[in-house]
């Protein structure tokens, strides 16, 4: 695919049409496709893991507000992304 785009001077749209490939199956997702942990998240991961180790039964929002109280000012969506990547979700047991 990249051969058509770079070798023949075609745009990505034209190259996908030539090959018969949907553009959204070739193009990376918006936002750069960040799926894993970033190096900039290392300090936040360490603090979150320390909280989880000390208070294992808390939920996401309790951790988030405790981080804010500790003056770690981050967006809740960023904390949620890391919380999910670390598999820290509490399992709700049904009786």
PDB file of N, CA and C in Angstrom:
ATOM      1  N   UNK A   1       0.823  -1.178   0.000  1.00  0.00           N
ATOM      2  CA  UNK A   1       0.000   0.000   0.000  1.00  0.00           C
ATOM      3  C   UNK A   1       0.869   1.244   0.000  1.00  0.00           C
ATOM      4  N   UNK A   2       1.871   1.273   0.863  1.00  0.00           N
ATOM      5  CA  UNK A   2       2.750   2.433   0.926  1.00  0.00           C
ATOM      6  C   UNK A   2       3.531   2.572  -0.372  1.00  0.00           C
ATOM      7  N   UNK A   3       3.765   1.446  -1.047  1.00  0.00           N
ATOM      8  CA  UNK A   3       4.471   1.474  -2.323  1.00  0.00           C
ATOM      9  C   UNK A   3       3.701   2.310  -3.351  1.00  0.00           C
ATOM     10  N   UNK A   4       2.399   2.114  -3.406  1.00  0.00           N
ATOM     11  CA  UNK A   4       1.581   2.872  -4.354  1.00  0.00           C
ATOM     12  C   UNK A   4       1.568   4.351  -4.004  1.00  0.00           C
ATOM     13  N   UNK A   5       1.456   4.642  -2.725  1.00  0.00           N
ATOM     14  CA  UNK A   5       1.365   6.040  -2.305  1.00  0.00           C
ATOM     15  C   UNK A   5       2.677   6.781  -2.542  1.00  0.00           C
ATOM     16  N   UNK A   6       3.806   6.160  -2.174  1.00  0.00           N
ATOM     17  CA  UNK A   6       5.072   6.879  -2.294  1.00  0.00           C
ATOM     18  C   UNK A   6       5.715   6.706  -3.667  1.00  0.00           C
ATOM     19  N   UNK A   7       5.668   5.506  -4.230  1.00  0.00           N
ATOM     20  CA  UNK A   7       6.346   5.236  -5.495  1.00  0.00           C
ATOM     21  C   UNK A   7       5.692   5.886  -6.699  1.00  0.00           C
ATOM     22  N   UNK A   8       4.399   6.003  -6.682  1.00  0.00           N
ATOM     23  CA  UNK A   8       3.689   6.549  -7.835  1.00  0.00           C
ATOM     24  C   UNK A   8       3.152   7.943  -7.595  1.00  0.00           C
ATOM     25  N   UNK A   9       3.415   8.502  -6.453  1.00  0.00           N
ATOM     26  CA  UNK A   9       2.968   9.855  -6.180  1.00  0.00           C
ATOM     27  C   UNK A   9       1.466   9.965  -5.980  1.00  0.00           C
ATOM     28  N   UNK A  10       0.836   8.897  -5.505  1.00  0.00           N
ATOM     29  CA  UNK A  10      -0.600   8.918  -5.266  1.00  0.00           C
ATOM     30  C   UNK A  10      -0.879   9.301  -3.817  1.00  0.00           C
ATOM     31  N   UNK A  11      -2.026   9.895  -3.605  1.00  0.00           N
ATOM     32  CA  UNK A  11      -2.433  10.162  -2.233  1.00  0.00           C
ATOM     33  C   UNK A  11      -2.908   8.858  -1.613  1.00  0.00           C
ATOM     34  N   UNK A  12      -3.083   8.882  -0.324  1.00  0.00           N
ATOM     35  CA  UNK A  12      -3.546   7.687   0.379  1.00  0.00           C
ATOM     36  C   UNK A  12      -4.936   7.285  -0.118  1.00  0.00           C
ATOM     37  N   UNK A  13      -5.773   8.256  -0.359  1.00  0.00           N
ATOM     38  CA  UNK A  13      -7.120   7.977  -0.851  1.00  0.00           C
ATOM     39  C   UNK A  13      -7.072   7.308  -2.225  1.00  0.00           C
ATOM     40  N   UNK A  14      -6.230   7.827  -3.103  1.00  0.00           N
ATOM     41  CA  UNK A  14      -6.120   7.267  -4.448  1.00  0.00           C
ATOM     42  C   UNK A  14      -5.523   5.862  -4.422  1.00  0.00           C
ATOM     43  N   UNK A  15      -4.516   5.661  -3.575  1.00  0.00           N
ATOM     44  CA  UNK A  15      -3.877   4.354  -3.478  1.00  0.00           C
ATOM     45  C   UNK A  15      -4.849   3.309  -2.931  1.00  0.00           C
ATOM     46  N   UNK A  16      -5.645   3.685  -1.955  1.00  0.00           N
ATOM     47  CA  UNK A  16      -6.627   2.748  -1.400  1.00  0.00           C
ATOM     48  C   UNK A  16      -7.687   2.410  -2.449  1.00  0.00           C
ATOM     49  N   UNK A  17      -8.103   3.402  -3.219  1.00  0.00           N
ATOM     50  CA  UNK A  17      -9.093   3.148  -4.268  1.00  0.00           C
ATOM     51  C   UNK A  17      -8.514   2.234  -5.332  1.00  0.00           C
ATOM     52  N   UNK A  18      -7.243   2.396  -5.656  1.00  0.00           N
ATOM     53  CA  UNK A  18      -6.592   1.579  -6.668  1.00  0.00           C
ATOM     54  C   UNK A  18      -6.520   0.109  -6.248  1.00  0.00           C
ATOM     55  N   UNK A  19      -6.233  -0.123  -4.977  1.00  0.00           N
ATOM     56  CA  UNK A  19      -6.091  -1.483  -4.473  1.00  0.00           C
ATOM     57  C   UNK A  19      -7.445  -2.083  -4.091  1.00  0.00           C
ATOM     58  N   UNK A  20      -8.434  -1.230  -3.867  1.00  0.00           N
ATOM     59  CA  UNK A  20      -9.743  -1.709  -3.449  1.00  0.00           C
ATOM     60  C   UNK A  20      -9.833  -1.936  -1.951  1.00  0.00           C
ATOM     61  N   UNK A  21      -9.146  -1.099  -1.196  1.00  0.00           N
ATOM     62  CA  UNK A  21      -9.075  -1.224   0.252  1.00  0.00           C
ATOM     63  C   UNK A  21      -9.784  -0.035   0.873  1.00  0.00           C
ATOM     64  N   UNK A  22     -10.565  -0.271   1.908  1.00  0.00           N
ATOM     65  CA  UNK A  22     -11.218   0.826   2.608  1.00  0.00           C
ATOM     66  C   UNK A  22     -10.156   1.652   3.322  1.00  0.00           C
ATOM     67  N   UNK A  23     -10.277   2.965   3.260  1.00  0.00           N
ATOM     68  CA  UNK A  23      -9.267   3.839   3.860  1.00  0.00           C
ATOM     69  C   UNK A  23      -9.170   3.665   5.370  1.00  0.00           C
ATOM     70  N   UNK A  24     -10.290   3.438   6.028  1.00  0.00           N
ATOM     71  CA  UNK A  24     -10.227   3.316   7.486  1.00  0.00           C
ATOM     72  C   UNK A  24      -9.581   2.011   7.947  1.00  0.00           C
ATOM     73  N   UNK A  25      -9.421   1.044   7.057  1.00  0.00           N
ATOM     74  CA  UNK A  25      -8.721  -0.178   7.446  1.00  0.00           C
ATOM     75  C   UNK A  25      -7.210  -0.045   7.249  1.00  0.00           C
ATOM     76  N   UNK A  26      -6.780   0.981   6.541  1.00  0.00           N
ATOM     77  CA  UNK A  26      -5.355   1.202   6.338  1.00  0.00           C
ATOM     78  C   UNK A  26      -4.821   2.336   7.210  1.00  0.00           C
ATOM     79  N   UNK A  27      -5.576   3.408   7.323  1.00  0.00           N
ATOM     80  CA  UNK A  27      -5.113   4.595   8.037  1.00  0.00           C
ATOM     81  C   UNK A  27      -5.059   4.331   9.542  1.00  0.00           C
ATOM     82  N   UNK A  28      -4.085   4.901  10.235  1.00  0.00           N
ATOM     83  CA  UNK A  28      -4.044   4.757  11.691  1.00  0.00           C
ATOM     84  C   UNK A  28      -5.219   5.509  12.310  1.00  0.00           C
ATOM     85  N   UNK A  29      -5.669   5.105  13.489  1.00  0.00           N
ATOM     86  CA  UNK A  29      -6.787   5.797  14.134  1.00  0.00           C
ATOM     87  C   UNK A  29      -6.392   7.219  14.495  1.00  0.00           C
ATOM     88  N   UNK A  30      -7.361   8.114  14.608  1.00  0.00           N
ATOM     89  CA  UNK A  30      -7.046   9.493  14.957  1.00  0.00           C
ATOM     90  C   UNK A  30      -6.394   9.572  16.331  1.00  0.00           C
ATOM     91  N   UNK A  31      -5.557  10.569  16.513  1.00  0.00           N
ATOM     92  CA  UNK A  31      -4.858  10.731  17.777  1.00  0.00           C
ATOM     93  C   UNK A  31      -3.546   9.982  17.811  1.00  0.00           C
ATOM     94  N   UNK A  32      -3.078   9.499  16.674  1.00  0.00           N
ATOM     95  CA  UNK A  32      -1.794   8.829  16.626  1.00  0.00           C
ATOM     96  C   UNK A  32      -1.848   7.363  16.997  1.00  0.00           C
ATOM     97  N   UNK A  33      -3.017   6.855  17.339  1.00  0.00           N
ATOM     98  CA  UNK A  33      -3.152   5.438  17.648  1.00  0.00           C
ATOM     99  C   UNK A  33      -2.461   5.027  18.930  1.00  0.00           C
ATOM    100  N   UNK A  34      -2.455   5.912  19.920  1.00  0.00           N
ATOM    101  CA  UNK A  34      -1.805   5.589  21.185  1.00  0.00           C
ATOM    102  C   UNK A  34      -2.610   4.535  21.912  1.00  0.00           C
ATOM    103  N   UNK A  35      -2.061   3.358  22.015  1.00  0.00           N
ATOM    104  CA  UNK A  35      -2.791   2.298  22.667  1.00  0.00           C
ATOM    105  C   UNK A  35      -2.185   1.880  23.988  1.00  0.00           C
ATOM    106  N   UNK A  36      -0.895   2.065  24.149  1.00  0.00           N
ATOM    107  CA  UNK A  36      -0.229   1.606  25.359  1.00  0.00           C
ATOM    108  C   UNK A  36       0.176   2.748  26.253  1.00  0.00           C
ATOM    109  N   UNK A  37       0.966   2.392  27.250  1.00  0.00           N
ATOM    110  CA  UNK A  37       1.460   3.402  28.172  1.00  0.00           C
ATOM    111  C   UNK A  37       2.570   4.213  27.518  1.00  0.00           C
ATOM    112  N   UNK A  38       2.566   5.482  27.782  1.00  0.00           N
ATOM    113  CA  UNK A  38       3.567   6.390  27.254  1.00  0.00           C
ATOM    114  C   UNK A  38       4.653   6.625  28.311  1.00  0.00           C
ATOM    115  N   UNK A  39       5.864   6.994  27.889  1.00  0.00           N
ATOM    116  CA  UNK A  39       6.913   7.285  28.873  1.00  0.00           C
ATOM    117  C   UNK A  39       6.530   8.429  29.812  1.00  0.00           C
ATOM    118  N   UNK A  40       5.721   9.374  29.330  1.00  0.00           N
ATOM    119  CA  UNK A  40       5.304  10.499  30.170  1.00  0.00           C
ATOM    120  C   UNK A  40       4.350  10.060  31.283  1.00  0.00           C
ATOM    121  N   UNK A  41       3.777   8.877  31.160  1.00  0.00           N
ATOM    122  CA  UNK A  41       2.825   8.378  32.152  1.00  0.00           C
ATOM    123  C   UNK A  41       3.493   7.636  33.298  1.00  0.00           C
ATOM    124  N   UNK A  42       4.798   7.506  33.294  1.00  0.00           N
ATOM    125  CA  UNK A  42       5.502   6.671  34.272  1.00  0.00           C
ATOM    126  C   UNK A  42       5.257   7.125  35.710  1.00  0.00           C
ATOM    127  N   UNK A  43       5.323   8.426  35.974  1.00  0.00           N
ATOM    128  CA  UNK A  43       5.124   8.916  37.334  1.00  0.00           C
ATOM    129  C   UNK A  43       3.684   8.686  37.789  1.00  0.00           C
ATOM    130  N   UNK A  44       2.744   8.929  36.888  1.00  0.00           N
ATOM    131  CA  UNK A  44       1.337   8.713  37.220  1.00  0.00           C
ATOM    132  C   UNK A  44       1.056   7.236  37.490  1.00  0.00           C
ATOM    133  N   UNK A  45       1.661   6.359  36.708  1.00  0.00           N
ATOM    134  CA  UNK A  45       1.498   4.915  36.912  1.00  0.00           C
ATOM    135  C   UNK A  45       2.047   4.517  38.276  1.00  0.00           C
ATOM    136  N   UNK A  46       3.199   5.045  38.628  1.00  0.00           N
ATOM    137  CA  UNK A  46       3.809   4.706  39.920  1.00  0.00           C
ATOM    138  C   UNK A  46       2.937   5.167  41.079  1.00  0.00           C
ATOM    139  N   UNK A  47       2.407   6.380  40.990  1.00  0.00           N
ATOM    140  CA  UNK A  47       1.557   6.882  42.071  1.00  0.00           C
ATOM    141  C   UNK A  47       0.250   6.103  42.166  1.00  0.00           C
ATOM    142  N   UNK A  48      -0.321   5.781  41.000  1.00  0.00           N
ATOM    143  CA  UNK A  48      -1.574   5.026  40.989  1.00  0.00           C
ATOM    144  C   UNK A  48      -1.370   3.621  41.554  1.00  0.00           C
ATOM    145  N   UNK A  49      -0.275   2.986  41.187  1.00  0.00           N
ATOM    146  CA  UNK A  49       0.001   1.643  41.727  1.00  0.00           C
ATOM    147  C   UNK A  49       0.237   1.681  43.230  1.00  0.00           C
ATOM    148  N   UNK A  50       0.891   2.734  43.726  1.00  0.00           N
ATOM    149  CA  UNK A  50       1.111   2.859  45.165  1.00  0.00           C
ATOM    150  C   UNK A  50      -0.220   3.008  45.896  1.00  0.00           C
ATOM    151  N   UNK A  51      -1.140   3.781  45.339  1.00  0.00           N
ATOM    152  CA  UNK A  51      -2.460   3.934  45.948  1.00  0.00           C
ATOM    153  C   UNK A  51      -3.227   2.617  45.941  1.00  0.00           C
ATOM    154  N   UNK A  52      -3.145   1.910  44.822  1.00  0.00           N
ATOM    155  CA  UNK A  52      -3.866   0.641  44.704  1.00  0.00           C
ATOM    156  C   UNK A  52      -3.300  -0.383  45.686  1.00  0.00           C
ATOM    157  N   UNK A  53      -2.000  -0.376  45.856  1.00  0.00           N
ATOM    158  CA  UNK A  53      -1.387  -1.326  46.785  1.00  0.00           C
ATOM    159  C   UNK A  53      -1.816  -1.024  48.216  1.00  0.00           C
ATOM    160  N   UNK A  54      -1.922   0.256  48.546  1.00  0.00           N
ATOM    161  CA  UNK A  54      -2.297   0.637  49.901  1.00  0.00           C
ATOM    162  C   UNK A  54      -3.797   0.496  50.149  1.00  0.00           C
ATOM    163  N   UNK A  55      -4.617   0.856  49.136  1.00  0.00           N
ATOM    164  CA  UNK A  55      -6.076   0.843  49.285  1.00  0.00           C
ATOM    165  C   UNK A  55      -6.682   0.044  48.130  1.00  0.00           C
ATOM    166  N   UNK A  56      -6.661  -1.265  48.240  1.00  0.00           N
ATOM    167  CA  UNK A  56      -7.075  -2.126  47.145  1.00  0.00           C
ATOM    168  C   UNK A  56      -8.551  -2.124  46.822  1.00  0.00           C
ATOM    169  N   UNK A  57      -9.404  -1.737  47.753  1.00  0.00           N
ATOM    170  CA  UNK A  57     -10.833  -1.823  47.527  1.00  0.00           C
ATOM    171  C   UNK A  57     -11.470  -0.567  46.972  1.00  0.00           C
ATOM    172  N   UNK A  58     -10.692   0.459  46.769  1.00  0.00           N
ATOM    173  CA  UNK A  58     -11.254   1.699  46.253  1.00  0.00           C
ATOM    174  C   UNK A  58     -11.582   1.553  44.779  1.00  0.00           C
ATOM    175  N   UNK A  59     -12.437   2.422  44.295  1.00  0.00           N
ATOM    176  CA  UNK A  59     -12.775   2.459  42.885  1.00  0.00           C
ATOM    177  C   UNK A  59     -12.026   3.568  42.169  1.00  0.00           C
ATOM    178  N   UNK A  60     -12.297   3.698  40.890  1.00  0.00           N
ATOM    179  CA  UNK A  60     -11.581   4.659  40.050  1.00  0.00           C
ATOM    180  C   UNK A  60     -11.699   6.082  40.567  1.00  0.00           C
ATOM    181  N   UNK A  61     -12.924   6.526  40.852  1.00  0.00           N
ATOM    182  CA  UNK A  61     -13.107   7.928  41.228  1.00  0.00           C
ATOM    183  C   UNK A  61     -12.431   8.249  42.546  1.00  0.00           C
ATOM    184  N   UNK A  62     -12.393   7.315  43.453  1.00  0.00           N
ATOM    185  CA  UNK A  62     -11.709   7.538  44.732  1.00  0.00           C
ATOM    186  C   UNK A  62     -10.207   7.718  44.493  1.00  0.00           C
ATOM    187  N   UNK A  63      -9.639   6.887  43.614  1.00  0.00           N
ATOM    188  CA  UNK A  63      -8.224   7.045  43.261  1.00  0.00           C
ATOM    189  C   UNK A  63      -7.977   8.384  42.581  1.00  0.00           C
ATOM    190  N   UNK A  64      -8.876   8.736  41.672  1.00  0.00           N
ATOM    191  CA  UNK A  64      -8.702   9.993  40.940  1.00  0.00           C
ATOM    192  C   UNK A  64      -8.700  11.181  41.895  1.00  0.00           C
ATOM    193  N   UNK A  65      -9.668  11.235  42.817  1.00  0.00           N
ATOM    194  CA  UNK A  65      -9.736  12.354  43.753  1.00  0.00           C
ATOM    195  C   UNK A  65      -8.579  12.335  44.741  1.00  0.00           C
ATOM    196  N   UNK A  66      -8.084  11.155  45.097  1.00  0.00           N
ATOM    197  CA  UNK A  66      -6.926  11.093  45.979  1.00  0.00           C
ATOM    198  C   UNK A  66      -5.680  11.622  45.259  1.00  0.00           C
ATOM    199  N   UNK A  67      -5.551  11.307  43.963  1.00  0.00           N
ATOM    200  CA  UNK A  67      -4.432  11.860  43.195  1.00  0.00           C
ATOM    201  C   UNK A  67      -4.522  13.374  43.148  1.00  0.00           C
ATOM    202  N   UNK A  68      -5.727  13.915  42.983  1.00  0.00           N
ATOM    203  CA  UNK A  68      -5.900  15.368  42.980  1.00  0.00           C
ATOM    204  C   UNK A  68      -5.503  15.958  44.331  1.00  0.00           C
ATOM    205  N   UNK A  69      -5.867  15.252  45.401  1.00  0.00           N
ATOM    206  CA  UNK A  69      -5.528  15.718  46.745  1.00  0.00           C
ATOM    207  C   UNK A  69      -4.016  15.718  46.962  1.00  0.00           C
ATOM    208  N   UNK A  70      -3.336  14.771  46.302  1.00  0.00           N
ATOM    209  CA  UNK A  70      -1.878  14.699  46.388  1.00  0.00           C
ATOM    210  C   UNK A  70      -1.192  15.649  45.405  1.00  0.00           C
ATOM    211  N   UNK A  71      -1.977  16.528  44.818  1.00  0.00           N
ATOM    212  CA  UNK A  71      -1.510  17.559  43.881  1.00  0.00           C
ATOM    213  C   UNK A  71      -0.952  16.991  42.580  1.00  0.00           C
ATOM    214  N   UNK A  72      -1.501  15.858  42.151  1.00  0.00           N
ATOM    215  CA  UNK A  72      -1.202  15.316  40.833  1.00  0.00           C
ATOM    216  C   UNK A  72      -2.373  15.733  39.955  1.00  0.00           C
ATOM    217  N   UNK A  73      -2.214  16.834  39.243  1.00  0.00           N
ATOM    218  CA  UNK A  73      -3.314  17.387  38.466  1.00  0.00           C
ATOM    219  C   UNK A  73      -3.261  16.810  37.057  1.00  0.00           C
ATOM    220  N   UNK A  74      -4.155  15.869  36.799  1.00  0.00           N
ATOM    221  CA  UNK A  74      -4.258  15.242  35.485  1.00  0.00           C
ATOM    222  C   UNK A  74      -5.723  15.122  35.118  1.00  0.00           C
ATOM    223  N   UNK A  75      -5.975  14.983  33.845  1.00  0.00           N
ATOM    224  CA  UNK A  75      -7.321  14.824  33.335  1.00  0.00           C
ATOM    225  C   UNK A  75      -7.856  13.449  33.744  1.00  0.00           C
ATOM    226  N   UNK A  76      -9.137  13.381  34.102  1.00  0.00           N
ATOM    227  CA  UNK A  76      -9.706  12.093  34.529  1.00  0.00           C
ATOM    228  C   UNK A  76      -9.694  11.072  33.404  1.00  0.00           C
ATOM    229  N   UNK A  77      -9.749  11.526  32.149  1.00  0.00           N
ATOM    230  CA  UNK A  77      -9.720  10.588  31.027  1.00  0.00           C
ATOM    231  C   UNK A  77      -8.360   9.921  30.894  1.00  0.00           C
ATOM    232  N   UNK A  78      -7.313  10.663  31.200  1.00  0.00           N
ATOM    233  CA  UNK A  78      -5.970  10.089  31.174  1.00  0.00           C
ATOM    234  C   UNK A  78      -5.799   9.061  32.284  1.00  0.00           C
ATOM    235  N   UNK A  79      -6.302   9.387  33.474  1.00  0.00           N
ATOM    236  CA  UNK A  79      -6.223   8.452  34.596  1.00  0.00           C
ATOM    237  C   UNK A  79      -7.049   7.206  34.284  1.00  0.00           C
ATOM    238  N   UNK A  80      -8.217   7.369  33.681  1.00  0.00           N
ATOM    239  CA  UNK A  80      -9.069   6.230  33.329  1.00  0.00           C
ATOM    240  C   UNK A  80      -8.378   5.328  32.318  1.00  0.00           C
ATOM    241  N   UNK A  81      -7.706   5.932  31.324  1.00  0.00           N
ATOM    242  CA  UNK A  81      -7.001   5.145  30.305  1.00  0.00           C
ATOM    243  C   UNK A  81      -5.919   4.292  30.968  1.00  0.00           C
ATOM    244  N   UNK A  82      -5.161   4.872  31.870  1.00  0.00           N
ATOM    245  CA  UNK A  82      -4.097   4.139  32.561  1.00  0.00           C
ATOM    246  C   UNK A  82      -4.693   3.093  33.501  1.00  0.00           C
ATOM    247  N   UNK A  83      -5.771   3.458  34.186  1.00  0.00           N
ATOM    248  CA  UNK A  83      -6.472   2.539  35.089  1.00  0.00           C
ATOM    249  C   UNK A  83      -6.914   1.290  34.340  1.00  0.00           C
ATOM    250  N   UNK A  84      -7.425   1.476  33.136  1.00  0.00           N
ATOM    251  CA  UNK A  84      -7.866   0.327  32.339  1.00  0.00           C
ATOM    252  C   UNK A  84      -6.684  -0.482  31.814  1.00  0.00           C
ATOM    253  N   UNK A  85      -5.631   0.185  31.360  1.00  0.00           N
ATOM    254  CA  UNK A  85      -4.469  -0.527  30.832  1.00  0.00           C
ATOM    255  C   UNK A  85      -3.788  -1.377  31.900  1.00  0.00           C
ATOM    256  N   UNK A  86      -3.864  -0.941  33.148  1.00  0.00           N
ATOM    257  CA  UNK A  86      -3.267  -1.696  34.247  1.00  0.00           C
ATOM    258  C   UNK A  86      -4.215  -2.761  34.797  1.00  0.00           C
ATOM    259  N   UNK A  87      -5.404  -2.883  34.228  1.00  0.00           N
ATOM    260  CA  UNK A  87      -6.428  -3.850  34.666  1.00  0.00           C
ATOM    261  C   UNK A  87      -6.734  -3.720  36.153  1.00  0.00           C
ATOM    262  N   UNK A  88      -7.049  -2.505  36.565  1.00  0.00           N
ATOM    263  CA  UNK A  88      -7.334  -2.254  37.973  1.00  0.00           C
ATOM    264  C   UNK A  88      -8.823  -2.206  38.281  1.00  0.00           C
ATOM    265  N   UNK A  89      -9.676  -2.520  37.308  1.00  0.00           N
ATOM    266  CA  UNK A  89     -11.115  -2.442  37.539  1.00  0.00           C
ATOM    267  C   UNK A  89     -11.522  -3.420  38.622  1.00  0.00           C
ATOM    268  N   UNK A  90     -12.411  -2.958  39.462  1.00  0.00           N
ATOM    269  CA  UNK A  90     -12.934  -3.825  40.516  1.00  0.00           C
ATOM    270  C   UNK A  90     -13.942  -4.777  39.907  1.00  0.00           C
ATOM    271  N   UNK A  91     -13.932  -6.009  40.361  1.00  0.00           N
ATOM    272  CA  UNK A  91     -14.887  -7.003  39.909  1.00  0.00           C
ATOM    273  C   UNK A  91     -16.093  -6.949  40.831  1.00  0.00           C
ATOM    274  N   UNK A  92     -17.254  -6.707  40.251  1.00  0.00           N
ATOM    275  CA  UNK A  92     -18.482  -6.655  41.029  1.00  0.00           C
ATOM    276  C   UNK A  92     -19.075  -8.060  41.063  1.00  0.00           C
ATOM    277  N   UNK A  93     -19.169  -8.623  42.236  1.00  0.00           N
ATOM    278  CA  UNK A  93     -19.689  -9.980  42.379  1.00  0.00           C
ATOM    279  C   UNK A  93     -21.201  -9.924  42.547  1.00  0.00           C
ATOM    280  N   UNK A  94     -21.888 -10.721  41.750  1.00  0.00           N
ATOM    281  CA  UNK A  94     -23.343 -10.806  41.864  1.00  0.00           C
ATOM    282  C   UNK A  94     -23.688 -11.981  42.767  1.00  0.00           C
ATOM    283  N   UNK A  95     -24.645 -11.763  43.628  1.00  0.00           N
ATOM    284  CA  UNK A  95     -25.023 -12.816  44.581  1.00  0.00           C
ATOM    285  C   UNK A  95     -26.045 -13.722  43.983  1.00  0.00           C
TER     286      UNK A  95
END
